Amino acid sequence: MNKTTLHNKRLAILGLGVENYYLIKWLIKHKIHCQITVCDQRAIGALGDKFIELNKHKHITWQLGSEYNKNLDRYDVLFRVPGWPVNCPGISSGLKNNKNLILTSPMRFFLDLVGTNNIIGVTGTKGKGTTSSLITAALKKAGLKVYLGGNIGVAPFSFIDKLTKADYVVLELSSFQLEDFHLSPHIAVLTNFYQEHLAPADPNNPNYHKTLSAYWLAKFNVAKSQTARDIFIINEKLKDKLLKWEAKNGRLKQRVIYFGKSNLKSALPGEHNKENIAAAEVVAKVLKIDKEAVAKAVSKFKSLEHRLELVKEINKVRYYDDSFATTPESAIIALRSFSEKIVLIAGGADKGSDFKELAQAIKNKVKYVCLLAGDGTKRIEKELININFKNYTVYGDLFSAMKKAKSLAKSGEIVLMSTGCASFGMFDNYKERGKQFKEIVNKF
């Protein structure tokens, strides 16, 4: 699909997220003659300044509230945000009733327009943001022009007009962005794979995968359409899983490179970050980037916000914000990143996860757990009771939990917020949860 495909067409913008917002701005800038309807379950007030800005254009109309998902068959092209389920009733009936209807997304359209030659796509249950940022830092240190975008919060249509053929683009890609991909980037990276997104958690982004197999297939789209000229860089822990896929579906055409753990000096805590660095190293090697440039980029790299981020040290107690750890597997990884005694803040909304291993990790590594109330917390509590771990209390707010954690942590110990659960209910999202954690720490 290209620019001319959209001329004189009726476009439905399914969800006014950051990617669709910048797509609309790009369409306006390039004077694409089309009718745009923004479909969003939120009311005008919740859309804020975006509504005020876009409503000035006469060719933009709105389908909001309870009507947001209806009569999608009357459009020519649907642009879906990642949180909008591909198989929701509105899209399914639209495709059934209108055989010419095109379902796509801003990310897919971006690849259609720029091609995949200089695209590095990074996905994985966890680590994709850190790995994407490490790759970007290494390329910049080597003097290359590179743009970082995707799930990390930067819409590709915010920088598409700046791109030249020599520039690189690193895209952090979620499973929901990848699930209907038709192209794969030239270099694809898969950091890891754990159980995740198997139940709806975010009321504003209700997308989820019905099975673990469906989740894997969505992730695998980062490499599925690669050709013999392309490169797939994958964690060695997933080798057996990839070989099983090949045994069932046929051998992959592209070059496959496995990575393990890096030995480069880094300030990033945890064994998992050694894997993230190793993935970035392989990408740099493929692009023939000087090893010294990579080492310098890695040595200066700091944890991304809300990802094992050291907030502050108070009376020789270090406080870490790992609010991005929304699965039990990622919380376990966080616990294994430290040898010191830990006072843990955990719990929250349920995403359909199994908490048995997390409970055992808590028993092995944690001095005391301050649990934040939620459906996921009830299940964590059940598992802790099953293994006779009694050093925990459930709290209805973060401040109370933090106050308890501060009173328990001694010199040389750690207070870690790595919840293993989604944030919804008590917080709008993991970012708000992390922000509140940091605000409380800085008031101590």
Protein backbone atom coordinates (compact mmCIF):
# COMPACT_ATOMS: atom_id res chain seq x y z
CA MET A 1 0.00 0.00 0.00
CA ASN A 2 1.26 3.52 -0.83
CA LYS A 3 0.13 7.15 -0.78
CA THR A 4 -1.98 6.88 -3.90
CA THR A 5 -3.83 3.90 -2.43
CA LEU A 6 -5.42 6.25 0.09
CA HIS A 7 -6.56 8.98 -2.30
CA ASN A 8 -10.35 9.44 -2.32
CA LYS A 9 -10.75 6.66 0.22
CA ARG A 10 -12.72 6.49 3.46
CA LEU A 11 -10.30 5.78 6.30
CA ALA A 12 -11.30 4.57 9.75
CA ILE A 13 -8.71 5.33 12.42
CA LEU A 14 -9.30 2.61 15.00
CA GLY A 15 -8.10 4.18 18.23
CA LEU A 16 -6.44 7.58 18.61
CA GLY A 17 -3.20 6.26 20.08
CA VAL A 18 0.19 7.85 19.42
CA GLU A 19 0.80 5.90 16.19
CA ASN A 20 -2.55 6.78 14.62
CA TYR A 21 -2.29 10.38 15.82
CA TYR A 22 0.99 10.91 13.96
CA LEU A 23 -0.36 9.02 10.95
CA ILE A 24 -3.25 11.51 10.74
CA LYS A 25 -0.83 14.43 11.04
CA TRP A 26 1.24 12.91 8.21
CA LEU A 27 -1.84 12.48 6.01
CA ILE A 28 -2.77 16.12 6.59
CA LYS A 29 0.78 17.33 5.91
CA HIS A 30 0.96 15.42 2.62
CA LYS A 31 -2.52 16.56 1.60
CA ILE A 32 -3.81 13.06 1.01
CA HIS A 33 -7.34 13.61 -0.28
CA CYS A 34 -9.40 11.25 1.86
CA GLN A 35 -12.19 11.14 4.43
CA ILE A 36 -10.95 10.31 7.93
CA THR A 37 -13.16 9.00 10.73
CA VAL A 38 -11.62 8.55 14.17
CA CYS A 39 -13.20 5.58 16.00
CA ASP A 40 -12.48 5.55 19.73
CA GLN A 41 -14.41 4.26 22.74
CA ARG A 42 -13.39 7.31 24.76
CA ALA A 43 -15.52 10.46 24.96
CA ILE A 44 -14.40 13.83 23.56
CA GLY A 45 -13.19 15.03 26.94
CA ALA A 46 -10.85 12.06 27.34
CA LEU A 47 -9.23 12.78 23.95
CA GLY A 48 -8.16 16.23 25.14
CA ASP A 49 -5.95 18.42 22.96
CA LYS A 50 -5.79 15.83 20.18
CA PHE A 51 -9.52 16.29 19.55
CA ILE A 52 -9.23 20.09 19.59
CA GLU A 53 -6.33 20.00 17.13
CA LEU A 54 -7.76 17.49 14.66
CA ASN A 55 -11.36 18.67 14.80
CA LYS A 56 -10.33 21.85 12.95
CA HIS A 57 -10.10 19.81 9.75
CA LYS A 58 -13.43 19.39 7.94
CA HIS A 59 -12.50 16.02 6.41
CA ILE A 60 -12.07 14.48 9.89
CA THR A 61 -15.18 13.13 11.62
CA TRP A 62 -15.67 11.20 14.87
CA GLN A 63 -17.27 7.91 15.90
CA LEU A 64 -16.92 7.81 19.66
CA GLY A 65 -18.31 6.12 22.75
CA SER A 66 -20.67 3.17 22.33
CA GLU A 67 -20.69 3.56 18.50
CA TYR A 68 -16.91 3.31 18.11
CA ASN A 69 -16.81 -0.29 16.84
CA LYS A 70 -19.90 -0.31 14.60
CA ASN A 71 -20.46 -0.29 10.82
CA LEU A 72 -16.78 -0.61 9.94
CA ASP A 73 -17.74 -2.14 6.60
CA ARG A 74 -18.61 1.32 5.24
CA TYR A 75 -14.92 2.27 5.11
CA ASP A 76 -12.20 1.40 2.60
CA VAL A 77 -9.21 1.14 4.94
CA LEU A 78 -8.99 0.45 8.68
CA PHE A 79 -5.88 1.62 10.56
CA ARG A 80 -5.72 -0.33 13.82
CA VAL A 81 -3.81 0.65 16.98
CA PRO A 82 -2.04 -2.29 18.71
CA GLY A 83 -4.58 -2.37 21.54
CA TRP A 84 -7.49 -2.90 19.14
CA PRO A 85 -8.11 -6.66 18.75
CA VAL A 86 -7.79 -7.92 15.17
CA ASN A 87 -10.65 -10.39 15.65
CA CYS A 88 -13.07 -8.10 17.49
CA PRO A 89 -16.72 -8.22 16.31
CA GLY A 90 -16.51 -4.83 14.57
CA ILE A 91 -13.53 -5.75 12.40
CA SER A 92 -14.73 -9.31 11.76
CA SER A 93 -18.15 -8.20 10.55
CA GLY A 94 -16.60 -5.35 8.56
CA LEU A 95 -14.28 -7.70 6.66
CA LYS A 96 -17.14 -10.17 6.13
CA ASN A 97 -19.53 -7.57 4.73
CA ASN A 98 -16.99 -5.67 2.66
CA LYS A 99 -14.63 -7.95 0.73
CA ASN A 100 -12.59 -4.96 -0.47
CA LEU A 101 -11.98 -3.61 3.01
CA ILE A 102 -8.26 -3.31 3.90
CA LEU A 103 -7.15 -3.87 7.49
CA THR A 104 -3.74 -2.46 8.31
CA SER A 105 -1.91 -0.38 10.92
CA PRO A 106 0.42 2.64 10.99
CA MET A 107 3.40 0.31 11.55
CA ARG A 108 2.49 -1.89 8.58
CA PHE A 109 1.95 1.17 6.39
CA PHE A 110 5.30 2.58 7.51
CA LEU A 111 7.06 -0.59 6.30
CA ASP A 112 5.11 -0.42 3.02
CA LEU A 113 6.40 3.10 2.44
CA VAL A 114 10.05 2.82 3.50
CA GLY A 115 10.80 -0.87 2.85
CA THR A 116 12.69 -3.14 5.22
CA ASN A 117 16.33 -2.74 4.11
CA ASN A 118 17.62 -0.64 7.01
CA ILE A 119 15.01 -1.71 9.54
CA ILE A 120 16.04 -3.50 12.75
CA GLY A 121 13.00 -4.96 14.50
CA VAL A 122 13.24 -6.03 18.13
CA THR A 123 10.65 -8.00 20.05
CA GLY A 124 10.41 -10.33 23.04
CA THR A 125 8.30 -10.64 26.15
CA LYS A 126 10.79 -8.53 28.08
CA GLY A 127 14.02 -6.73 27.21
CA LYS A 128 12.91 -5.39 23.85
CA GLY A 129 12.97 -1.75 24.99
CA THR A 130 16.40 -2.02 26.57
CA THR A 131 17.80 -4.00 23.63
CA SER A 132 16.36 -1.55 21.08
CA SER A 133 17.88 1.35 23.00
CA LEU A 134 21.25 -0.42 23.30
CA ILE A 135 21.34 -1.08 19.55
CA THR A 136 20.46 2.56 18.88
CA ALA A 137 23.20 3.76 21.24
CA ALA A 138 25.80 1.49 19.58
CA LEU A 139 24.87 2.69 16.08
CA LYS A 140 25.03 6.32 17.16
CA LYS A 141 28.42 5.79 18.83
CA ALA A 142 29.64 4.39 15.50
CA GLY A 143 28.56 7.60 13.78
CA LEU A 144 25.51 6.22 11.99
CA LYS A 145 22.22 8.09 11.64
CA VAL A 146 19.55 6.08 13.44
CA TYR A 147 15.96 6.57 14.59
CA LEU A 148 14.36 4.65 17.46
CA GLY A 149 10.60 4.11 17.38
CA GLY A 150 7.68 1.75 17.89
CA ASN A 151 6.39 0.36 21.15
CA ILE A 152 8.94 2.43 23.05
CA GLY A 153 6.59 5.38 22.57
CA VAL A 154 7.87 7.08 19.40
CA ALA A 155 5.59 6.84 16.36
CA PRO A 156 7.45 6.16 13.08
CA PHE A 157 5.26 8.72 11.30
CA SER A 158 6.75 11.38 13.57
CA PHE A 159 10.12 10.98 11.79
CA ILE A 160 9.33 9.28 8.46
CA ASP A 161 9.87 12.47 6.43
CA LYS A 162 13.37 12.89 7.87
CA LEU A 163 14.59 9.48 6.71
CA THR A 164 17.17 8.99 4.00
CA LYS A 165 18.16 5.71 2.35
CA ALA A 166 21.34 5.60 4.45
CA ASP A 167 19.55 5.96 7.80
CA TYR A 168 18.76 3.07 10.13
CA VAL A 169 15.50 2.58 12.00
CA VAL A 170 15.31 0.48 15.17
CA LEU A 171 11.75 -0.55 15.99
CA GLU A 172 10.66 -1.98 19.31
CA LEU A 173 7.72 -4.20 18.33
CA SER A 174 5.02 -5.60 20.60
CA SER A 175 3.12 -8.78 19.83
CA PHE A 176 0.03 -6.67 19.15
CA GLN A 177 1.90 -4.66 16.53
CA LEU A 178 3.30 -7.82 15.00
CA GLU A 179 0.22 -10.07 15.03
CA ASP A 180 -0.94 -9.07 11.52
CA PHE A 181 2.45 -8.20 9.99
CA HIS A 182 2.96 -9.09 6.33
CA LEU A 183 6.61 -7.99 6.14
CA SER A 184 9.58 -8.65 8.41
CA PRO A 185 12.52 -6.29 8.99
CA HIS A 186 15.92 -6.98 7.46
CA ILE A 187 17.36 -7.67 10.92
CA ALA A 188 14.97 -9.26 13.42
CA VAL A 189 15.78 -9.75 17.11
CA LEU A 190 13.84 -11.95 19.56
CA THR A 191 15.08 -11.32 23.12
CA ASN A 192 13.07 -13.98 25.00
CA PHE A 193 9.63 -15.54 25.29
CA TYR A 194 7.48 -16.02 28.40
CA GLN A 195 3.77 -16.40 29.12
CA GLU A 196 2.18 -12.95 28.77
CA HIS A 197 -0.89 -11.12 27.41
CA LEU A 198 -3.19 -14.13 27.74
CA ALA A 199 -6.04 -12.21 29.37
CA PRO A 200 -7.41 -8.67 28.88
CA ALA A 201 -6.01 -6.31 31.52
CA ASP A 202 -6.01 -2.72 30.22
CA PRO A 203 -9.58 -1.35 29.79
CA ASN A 204 -8.34 1.12 27.16
CA ASN A 205 -6.33 -1.53 25.26
CA PRO A 206 -8.28 -4.79 25.62
CA ASN A 207 -6.25 -6.80 23.14
CA TYR A 208 -4.88 -10.18 24.25
CA HIS A 209 -3.82 -13.56 22.83
CA LYS A 210 -6.24 -16.42 23.29
CA THR A 211 -3.48 -19.04 23.57
CA LEU A 212 0.26 -19.19 24.25
CA SER A 213 0.69 -20.56 20.73
CA ALA A 214 -1.07 -17.51 19.26
CA TYR A 215 1.24 -15.28 21.29
CA TRP A 216 4.31 -17.10 19.94
CA LEU A 217 3.08 -16.83 16.35
CA ALA A 218 2.56 -13.09 16.82
CA LYS A 219 6.10 -12.67 18.12
CA PHE A 220 7.50 -14.90 15.38
CA ASN A 221 6.08 -12.58 12.72
CA VAL A 222 9.15 -10.41 13.33
CA ALA A 223 11.11 -13.02 11.33
CA LYS A 224 8.52 -15.16 9.54
CA SER A 225 8.54 -13.20 6.27
CA GLN A 226 12.29 -12.72 6.06
CA THR A 227 14.11 -13.81 2.91
CA ALA A 228 17.52 -15.40 2.35
CA ARG A 229 19.19 -11.96 2.48
CA ASP A 230 17.84 -11.26 5.98
CA ILE A 231 19.09 -12.06 9.50
CA PHE A 232 17.26 -13.44 12.53
CA ILE A 233 19.01 -12.93 15.89
CA ILE A 234 17.43 -15.03 18.64
CA ASN A 235 18.14 -15.98 22.24
CA GLU A 236 19.88 -19.37 22.47
CA LYS A 237 17.33 -20.37 25.12
CA LEU A 238 14.74 -20.47 22.32
CA LYS A 239 16.75 -22.74 20.02
CA ASP A 240 14.67 -25.85 20.75
CA LYS A 241 11.45 -23.91 20.23
CA LEU A 242 12.65 -22.59 16.88
CA LEU A 243 13.83 -26.03 15.75
CA LYS A 244 10.43 -27.50 16.60
CA TRP A 245 8.78 -24.79 14.55
CA GLU A 246 11.07 -25.55 11.60
CA ALA A 247 10.39 -29.30 11.90
CA LYS A 248 6.68 -28.58 11.54
CA ASN A 249 6.72 -25.71 9.04
CA GLY A 250 9.94 -26.06 7.06
CA ARG A 251 13.42 -24.62 7.38
CA LEU A 252 13.81 -20.88 7.60
CA LYS A 253 15.35 -19.10 4.61
CA GLN A 254 17.22 -16.39 6.48
CA ARG A 255 20.49 -16.57 8.38
CA VAL A 256 19.84 -17.42 12.04
CA ILE A 257 22.28 -16.28 14.77
CA TYR A 258 21.88 -17.27 18.41
CA PHE A 259 23.09 -15.11 21.30
CA GLY A 260 23.86 -15.88 24.94
CA LYS A 261 25.33 -13.51 27.53
CA SER A 262 27.72 -10.62 27.06
CA ASN A 263 30.94 -10.07 29.01
CA LEU A 264 31.05 -6.34 28.30
CA LYS A 265 31.33 -4.01 31.28
CA SER A 266 27.95 -2.48 32.08
CA ALA A 267 26.08 -0.68 34.85
CA LEU A 268 22.90 -2.60 34.04
CA PRO A 269 21.98 -5.04 36.85
CA GLY A 270 20.99 -8.66 36.31
CA GLU A 271 21.87 -11.64 34.13
CA HIS A 272 18.98 -10.82 31.78
CA ASN A 273 20.68 -7.55 30.82
CA LYS A 274 23.79 -9.52 29.82
CA GLU A 275 21.53 -11.21 27.28
CA ASN A 276 20.11 -7.88 26.08
CA ILE A 277 23.64 -6.56 25.61
CA ALA A 278 24.64 -9.75 23.76
CA ALA A 279 21.77 -9.28 21.31
CA ALA A 280 22.91 -5.71 20.64
CA GLU A 281 26.48 -6.94 20.17
CA VAL A 282 25.37 -9.39 17.49
CA VAL A 283 23.46 -6.68 15.63
CA ALA A 284 26.54 -4.45 15.76
CA LYS A 285 28.75 -7.27 14.47
CA VAL A 286 26.37 -7.93 11.58
CA LEU A 287 26.54 -4.24 10.68
CA LYS A 288 30.36 -4.33 11.03
CA ILE A 289 30.41 -1.76 13.80
CA ASP A 290 33.70 -1.39 15.67
CA LYS A 291 33.79 -3.40 18.92
CA GLU A 292 35.21 -0.45 20.83
CA ALA A 293 32.25 1.74 19.85
CA VAL A 294 29.87 -0.93 21.11
CA ALA A 295 31.75 -1.30 24.39
CA LYS A 296 31.69 2.46 24.98
CA ALA A 297 27.97 2.66 24.23
CA VAL A 298 27.23 -0.21 26.62
CA SER A 299 29.42 1.15 29.43
CA LYS A 300 27.58 4.49 29.41
CA PHE A 301 24.10 3.01 29.06
CA LYS A 302 21.74 3.40 32.01
CA SER A 303 18.58 1.42 32.80
CA LEU A 304 15.47 2.63 31.04
CA GLU A 305 12.82 4.24 33.18
CA HIS A 306 10.80 1.75 35.28
CA ARG A 307 13.12 -1.13 34.30
CA LEU A 308 15.26 -1.98 37.35
CA GLU A 309 15.88 1.75 37.59
CA LEU A 310 17.89 2.84 40.63
CA VAL A 311 15.86 5.71 42.03
CA LYS A 312 17.82 6.65 45.14
CA GLU A 313 19.96 5.38 47.99
CA ILE A 314 18.75 6.38 51.47
CA ASN A 315 20.71 5.38 54.56
CA LYS A 316 22.55 2.78 52.45
CA VAL A 317 19.25 1.24 51.29
CA ARG A 318 18.80 1.25 47.50
CA TYR A 319 15.34 1.75 46.02
CA TYR A 320 14.67 0.21 42.58
CA ASP A 321 11.70 0.94 40.31
CA ASP A 322 10.90 -2.11 38.16
CA SER A 323 7.28 -1.20 37.47
CA PHE A 324 7.65 -2.53 33.92
CA ALA A 325 7.78 -6.05 35.40
CA THR A 326 4.13 -6.90 34.74
CA THR A 327 4.60 -10.68 34.61
CA PRO A 328 5.77 -13.14 37.28
CA GLU A 329 8.65 -14.20 34.99
CA SER A 330 10.00 -10.64 34.80
CA ALA A 331 9.65 -10.21 38.58
CA ILE A 332 11.62 -13.45 39.09
CA ILE A 333 14.36 -12.10 36.80
CA ALA A 334 14.47 -8.91 38.88
CA LEU A 335 14.79 -10.87 42.13
CA ARG A 336 17.66 -12.89 40.68
CA SER A 337 19.47 -9.68 39.73
CA PHE A 338 20.48 -9.00 43.34
CA SER A 339 22.44 -10.87 46.00
CA GLU A 340 21.35 -8.50 48.79
CA LYS A 341 18.32 -9.02 51.01
CA ILE A 342 15.17 -7.63 49.39
CA VAL A 343 11.98 -6.02 50.64
CA LEU A 344 9.64 -6.53 47.70
CA ILE A 345 6.58 -4.59 46.58
CA ALA A 346 4.48 -6.83 44.36
CA GLY A 347 0.94 -7.64 43.25
CA GLY A 348 -1.82 -5.90 41.31
CA ALA A 349 -4.15 -6.76 38.44
CA ASP A 350 -4.38 -10.28 36.99
CA LYS A 351 -3.21 -11.12 33.45
CA GLY A 352 -3.89 -14.83 33.60
CA SER A 353 -0.42 -15.71 34.88
CA ASP A 354 0.79 -18.61 37.02
CA PHE A 355 2.40 -17.39 40.26
CA LYS A 356 3.83 -20.65 41.64
CA GLU A 357 7.41 -19.98 40.54
CA LEU A 358 7.24 -16.37 41.69
CA ALA A 359 6.10 -17.49 45.15
CA GLN A 360 9.05 -19.87 45.37
CA ALA A 361 11.45 -17.14 44.20
CA ILE A 362 10.04 -14.86 46.90
CA LYS A 363 10.62 -17.53 49.54
CA ASN A 364 14.22 -17.95 48.35
CA LYS A 365 15.17 -14.30 47.89
CA VAL A 366 12.84 -11.99 49.80
CA LYS A 367 12.85 -10.79 53.41
CA TYR A 368 9.30 -9.37 53.32
CA VAL A 369 6.61 -8.70 50.70
CA CYS A 370 4.32 -5.67 50.66
CA LEU A 371 1.49 -6.69 48.33
CA LEU A 372 -0.66 -4.15 46.47
CA ALA A 373 -4.33 -5.17 46.46
CA GLY A 374 -5.75 -6.68 43.24
CA ASP A 375 -7.02 -9.87 41.60
CA GLY A 376 -3.45 -10.96 40.83
CA THR A 377 -2.49 -10.36 44.44
CA LYS A 378 -5.13 -12.80 45.65
CA ARG A 379 -3.52 -15.51 43.56
CA ILE A 380 0.00 -14.61 44.72
CA GLU A 381 -1.19 -14.75 48.32
CA LYS A 382 -2.67 -18.19 47.73
CA GLU A 383 0.65 -19.49 46.39
CA LEU A 384 2.57 -17.96 49.31
CA ILE A 385 0.23 -19.67 51.77
CA ASN A 386 0.75 -22.99 49.94
CA ILE A 387 4.50 -22.81 50.60
CA ASN A 388 4.08 -21.50 54.15
CA PHE A 389 5.57 -18.03 53.49
CA LYS A 390 4.05 -15.70 56.07
CA ASN A 391 6.16 -12.54 55.76
CA TYR A 392 3.71 -10.42 53.79
CA THR A 393 0.91 -7.87 54.17
CA VAL A 394 -1.65 -6.64 51.64
CA TYR A 395 -2.05 -2.87 51.26
CA GLY A 396 -4.73 -0.79 49.59
CA ASP A 397 -2.35 1.96 48.46
CA LEU A 398 1.27 2.30 47.45
CA PHE A 399 2.24 4.83 50.12
CA SER A 400 1.28 2.46 52.95
CA ALA A 401 3.23 -0.35 51.31
CA MET A 402 6.26 1.91 50.85
CA LYS A 403 6.11 3.12 54.44
CA LYS A 404 6.23 -0.49 55.64
CA ALA A 405 9.05 -1.35 53.23
CA LYS A 406 11.11 1.62 54.45
CA SER A 407 10.68 0.56 58.08
CA LEU A 408 11.88 -2.99 57.33
CA ALA A 409 14.85 -2.35 55.02
CA LYS A 410 18.22 -2.22 56.76
CA SER A 411 21.58 -0.85 55.64
CA GLY A 412 22.91 -2.76 52.62
CA GLU A 413 19.46 -4.08 51.65
CA ILE A 414 17.17 -3.27 48.74
CA VAL A 415 13.58 -2.08 48.36
CA LEU A 416 12.39 -3.35 45.00
CA MET A 417 9.06 -2.67 43.30
CA SER A 418 8.77 -5.50 40.81
CA THR A 419 5.11 -6.37 40.96
CA GLY A 420 4.77 -9.32 38.57
CA CYS A 421 1.27 -8.00 37.81
CA ALA A 422 -0.46 -5.40 35.67
CA SER A 423 -1.13 -2.01 37.25
CA PHE A 424 -4.76 -1.44 36.27
CA GLY A 425 -7.23 -0.80 39.05
CA MET A 426 -4.96 1.04 41.49
CA PHE A 427 -3.09 2.83 38.65
CA ASP A 428 -3.77 3.82 35.04
CA ASN A 429 -0.66 2.00 33.78
CA TYR A 430 2.81 0.82 34.81
CA LYS A 431 4.26 4.28 34.13
CA GLU A 432 1.96 5.94 36.65
CA ARG A 433 2.77 3.21 39.18
CA GLY A 434 6.50 3.78 38.68
CA LYS A 435 6.11 7.55 38.85
CA GLN A 436 4.28 7.31 42.17
CA PHE A 437 6.95 4.96 43.52
CA LYS A 438 9.69 7.43 42.65
CA GLU A 439 7.78 10.39 44.07
CA ILE A 440 7.34 8.57 47.37
CA VAL A 441 11.01 7.54 47.52
CA ASN A 442 12.12 11.11 46.89
CA LYS A 443 9.95 12.32 49.78
CA PHE A 444 11.50 9.86 52.25
